[in-house]
N, C-alpha and C. Protein backbone atom coordinates (compact mmCIF):
# COMPACT_ATOMS: atom_id res chain seq x y z
N MET A 1 56.34 -137.47 -61.38
CA MET A 1 56.16 -136.16 -61.99
C MET A 1 57.49 -135.42 -61.92
N ALA A 2 57.92 -134.89 -63.01
CA ALA A 2 59.20 -134.20 -63.08
C ALA A 2 59.10 -132.80 -62.48
N VAL A 3 60.24 -132.30 -62.06
CA VAL A 3 60.30 -130.96 -61.47
C VAL A 3 59.82 -129.91 -62.47
N GLU A 4 60.18 -130.10 -63.73
CA GLU A 4 59.78 -129.14 -64.76
C GLU A 4 58.26 -129.09 -64.88
N ASP A 5 57.59 -130.24 -64.71
CA ASP A 5 56.14 -130.28 -64.78
C ASP A 5 55.52 -129.47 -63.65
N ASN A 6 56.12 -129.57 -62.46
CA ASN A 6 55.61 -128.81 -61.32
C ASN A 6 55.78 -127.32 -61.53
N ILE A 7 56.90 -126.94 -62.13
CA ILE A 7 57.15 -125.53 -62.38
C ILE A 7 56.17 -124.99 -63.41
N LYS A 8 55.83 -125.80 -64.41
CA LYS A 8 54.87 -125.37 -65.43
C LYS A 8 53.48 -125.17 -64.85
N LYS A 9 53.15 -125.90 -63.77
CA LYS A 9 51.82 -125.79 -63.17
C LYS A 9 51.64 -124.49 -62.38
N ILE A 10 52.72 -123.81 -62.06
CA ILE A 10 52.63 -122.57 -61.29
C ILE A 10 51.97 -121.51 -62.15
N GLU A 11 50.86 -121.00 -61.66
CA GLU A 11 50.15 -119.96 -62.38
C GLU A 11 50.57 -118.60 -61.87
N LEU A 12 50.70 -117.66 -62.76
CA LEU A 12 51.05 -116.31 -62.37
C LEU A 12 49.78 -115.54 -62.07
N GLY A 13 49.91 -114.47 -61.30
CA GLY A 13 48.75 -113.66 -60.97
C GLY A 13 48.50 -113.66 -59.47
N PRO A 14 47.40 -113.03 -59.07
CA PRO A 14 47.12 -112.92 -57.64
C PRO A 14 46.88 -114.28 -57.00
N LYS A 15 47.32 -114.41 -55.77
CA LYS A 15 47.18 -115.66 -55.03
C LYS A 15 46.61 -115.37 -53.65
N LYS A 16 45.93 -116.37 -53.09
CA LYS A 16 45.52 -116.28 -51.71
C LYS A 16 46.75 -116.51 -50.85
N LEU A 17 46.70 -116.08 -49.59
CA LEU A 17 47.85 -116.19 -48.71
C LEU A 17 48.30 -117.64 -48.54
N GLY A 18 47.36 -118.56 -48.37
CA GLY A 18 47.71 -119.97 -48.22
C GLY A 18 48.40 -120.53 -49.45
N GLU A 19 47.91 -120.15 -50.61
CA GLU A 19 48.52 -120.63 -51.85
C GLU A 19 49.93 -120.08 -52.01
N ALA A 20 50.10 -118.81 -51.66
CA ALA A 20 51.42 -118.19 -51.79
C ALA A 20 52.42 -118.82 -50.84
N SER A 21 51.99 -119.13 -49.62
CA SER A 21 52.91 -119.74 -48.66
C SER A 21 53.27 -121.16 -49.08
N LYS A 22 52.32 -121.92 -49.63
CA LYS A 22 52.62 -123.27 -50.10
C LYS A 22 53.57 -123.22 -51.29
N LEU A 23 53.38 -122.25 -52.16
CA LEU A 23 54.26 -122.08 -53.31
C LEU A 23 55.68 -121.73 -52.87
N ALA A 24 55.78 -120.83 -51.89
CA ALA A 24 57.10 -120.45 -51.37
C ALA A 24 57.78 -121.64 -50.70
N LEU A 25 57.02 -122.42 -49.94
CA LEU A 25 57.59 -123.60 -49.28
C LEU A 25 58.06 -124.62 -50.31
N ALA A 26 57.28 -124.83 -51.35
CA ALA A 26 57.68 -125.77 -52.40
C ALA A 26 58.96 -125.32 -53.07
N GLU A 27 59.09 -124.02 -53.31
CA GLU A 27 60.31 -123.51 -53.93
C GLU A 27 61.51 -123.68 -53.01
N MET A 28 61.34 -123.43 -51.71
CA MET A 28 62.44 -123.61 -50.76
C MET A 28 62.83 -125.08 -50.66
N LEU A 29 61.85 -125.98 -50.64
CA LEU A 29 62.16 -127.41 -50.60
C LEU A 29 62.91 -127.86 -51.84
N LEU A 30 62.52 -127.35 -52.99
CA LEU A 30 63.21 -127.71 -54.23
C LEU A 30 64.67 -127.25 -54.19
N ARG A 31 64.89 -126.02 -53.75
CA ARG A 31 66.27 -125.53 -53.66
C ARG A 31 67.08 -126.33 -52.66
N ALA A 32 66.46 -126.69 -51.53
CA ALA A 32 67.18 -127.48 -50.52
C ALA A 32 67.47 -128.88 -51.05
N ALA A 33 66.54 -129.46 -51.78
CA ALA A 33 66.74 -130.81 -52.32
C ALA A 33 67.86 -130.84 -53.36
N LYS A 34 68.02 -129.76 -54.09
CA LYS A 34 69.09 -129.69 -55.09
C LYS A 34 70.46 -129.44 -54.46
N ASN A 35 70.48 -128.97 -53.21
CA ASN A 35 71.74 -128.68 -52.52
C ASN A 35 72.31 -129.99 -51.97
N PRO A 36 73.51 -130.38 -52.39
CA PRO A 36 74.07 -131.65 -51.93
C PRO A 36 74.38 -131.67 -50.44
N LYS A 37 74.52 -130.52 -49.81
CA LYS A 37 74.82 -130.46 -48.38
C LYS A 37 73.56 -130.51 -47.52
N SER A 38 72.40 -130.46 -48.13
CA SER A 38 71.14 -130.43 -47.40
C SER A 38 70.69 -131.83 -47.00
N GLU A 39 69.96 -131.91 -45.88
CA GLU A 39 69.39 -133.18 -45.45
C GLU A 39 68.07 -133.47 -46.17
N ILE A 40 67.53 -132.48 -46.87
CA ILE A 40 66.27 -132.66 -47.59
C ILE A 40 66.56 -133.29 -48.94
N THR A 41 65.81 -134.31 -49.27
CA THR A 41 66.03 -135.04 -50.51
C THR A 41 64.93 -134.73 -51.52
N MET A 42 65.15 -135.18 -52.75
CA MET A 42 64.12 -135.00 -53.77
C MET A 42 62.87 -135.81 -53.44
N SER A 43 63.03 -136.92 -52.72
CA SER A 43 61.83 -137.67 -52.33
C SER A 43 61.00 -136.88 -51.33
N ASP A 44 61.65 -136.08 -50.46
CA ASP A 44 60.91 -135.19 -49.55
C ASP A 44 60.12 -134.16 -50.36
N TYR A 45 60.77 -133.60 -51.36
CA TYR A 45 60.11 -132.60 -52.21
C TYR A 45 58.95 -133.23 -52.98
N ASN A 46 59.20 -134.40 -53.58
CA ASN A 46 58.14 -135.06 -54.35
C ASN A 46 56.96 -135.45 -53.46
N ASN A 47 57.26 -135.89 -52.24
CA ASN A 47 56.20 -136.24 -51.30
C ASN A 47 55.37 -135.01 -50.95
N TYR A 48 56.02 -133.86 -50.76
CA TYR A 48 55.28 -132.64 -50.47
C TYR A 48 54.41 -132.23 -51.65
N MET A 49 54.92 -132.39 -52.86
CA MET A 49 54.15 -132.01 -54.04
C MET A 49 52.93 -132.94 -54.22
N LYS A 50 53.05 -134.20 -53.82
CA LYS A 50 51.93 -135.13 -53.95
C LYS A 50 50.90 -134.95 -52.84
N THR A 51 51.38 -134.83 -51.60
CA THR A 51 50.47 -134.84 -50.45
C THR A 51 50.20 -133.47 -49.86
N GLY A 52 51.12 -132.52 -50.05
CA GLY A 52 50.97 -131.21 -49.43
C GLY A 52 51.37 -131.21 -47.97
N GLN A 53 52.02 -132.27 -47.51
CA GLN A 53 52.43 -132.37 -46.12
C GLN A 53 53.92 -132.68 -46.03
N LEU A 54 54.52 -132.21 -44.96
CA LEU A 54 55.92 -132.51 -44.69
C LEU A 54 55.99 -133.69 -43.72
N ASN A 55 56.90 -134.58 -43.93
CA ASN A 55 57.05 -135.75 -43.06
C ASN A 55 58.34 -135.68 -42.26
N PHE A 56 58.60 -134.53 -41.69
CA PHE A 56 59.77 -134.40 -40.86
C PHE A 56 59.40 -134.78 -39.44
N ALA A 57 60.36 -134.74 -38.54
CA ALA A 57 60.12 -135.11 -37.14
C ALA A 57 58.97 -134.29 -36.57
N LYS A 58 58.09 -134.97 -35.89
CA LYS A 58 56.95 -134.30 -35.29
C LYS A 58 57.23 -134.16 -33.80
N GLY A 59 57.43 -132.93 -33.36
CA GLY A 59 57.71 -132.68 -31.95
C GLY A 59 56.45 -132.47 -31.16
N GLY A 60 56.61 -132.44 -29.86
CA GLY A 60 55.48 -132.19 -28.98
C GLY A 60 55.39 -130.73 -28.60
N ILE A 61 54.51 -130.45 -27.69
CA ILE A 61 54.34 -129.08 -27.22
C ILE A 61 55.35 -128.82 -26.11
N VAL A 62 56.02 -127.69 -26.18
CA VAL A 62 57.02 -127.31 -25.19
C VAL A 62 56.53 -126.06 -24.48
N SER A 63 56.68 -126.05 -23.19
CA SER A 63 56.31 -124.88 -22.41
C SER A 63 57.45 -123.87 -22.45
N ILE A 64 57.11 -122.61 -22.65
CA ILE A 64 58.14 -121.57 -22.66
C ILE A 64 58.82 -121.47 -21.31
N PHE A 65 58.09 -121.80 -20.26
CA PHE A 65 58.68 -121.74 -18.91
C PHE A 65 59.77 -122.79 -18.74
N ASP A 66 59.61 -123.95 -19.38
CA ASP A 66 60.66 -124.98 -19.34
C ASP A 66 61.88 -124.55 -20.13
N MET A 67 61.67 -123.74 -21.13
CA MET A 67 62.79 -123.33 -22.00
C MET A 67 63.63 -122.24 -21.36
N ILE A 68 63.05 -121.40 -20.51
CA ILE A 68 63.78 -120.26 -19.98
C ILE A 68 64.23 -120.42 -18.55
N LYS A 69 63.88 -121.51 -17.88
CA LYS A 69 64.31 -121.67 -16.49
C LYS A 69 65.80 -122.03 -16.45
N PRO A 70 66.45 -121.69 -15.37
CA PRO A 70 67.89 -121.96 -15.25
C PRO A 70 68.19 -123.46 -15.30
N VAL A 71 69.38 -123.80 -15.79
CA VAL A 71 69.80 -125.19 -15.86
C VAL A 71 69.95 -125.74 -14.46
N GLY A 72 69.50 -126.96 -14.25
CA GLY A 72 69.63 -127.61 -12.96
C GLY A 72 68.45 -127.39 -12.03
N VAL A 73 67.42 -126.73 -12.51
CA VAL A 73 66.26 -126.50 -11.65
C VAL A 73 65.24 -127.57 -11.88
């Protein structure tokens, strides 16, 4: 599916919060994919448009206490 096709699918008018955030994320991914200095590729963008999910590194849960304790403790 071409980028132009995805842009044509965007409907104008009121949106639910979830729809608006997904639309904003898709637009940011597209801009990042077009940037040659970005690590995000067009395949990342196309995958998000097909699945609605990002396949970036999946981190674990971090405790805030581990993040703010002094080094060497």
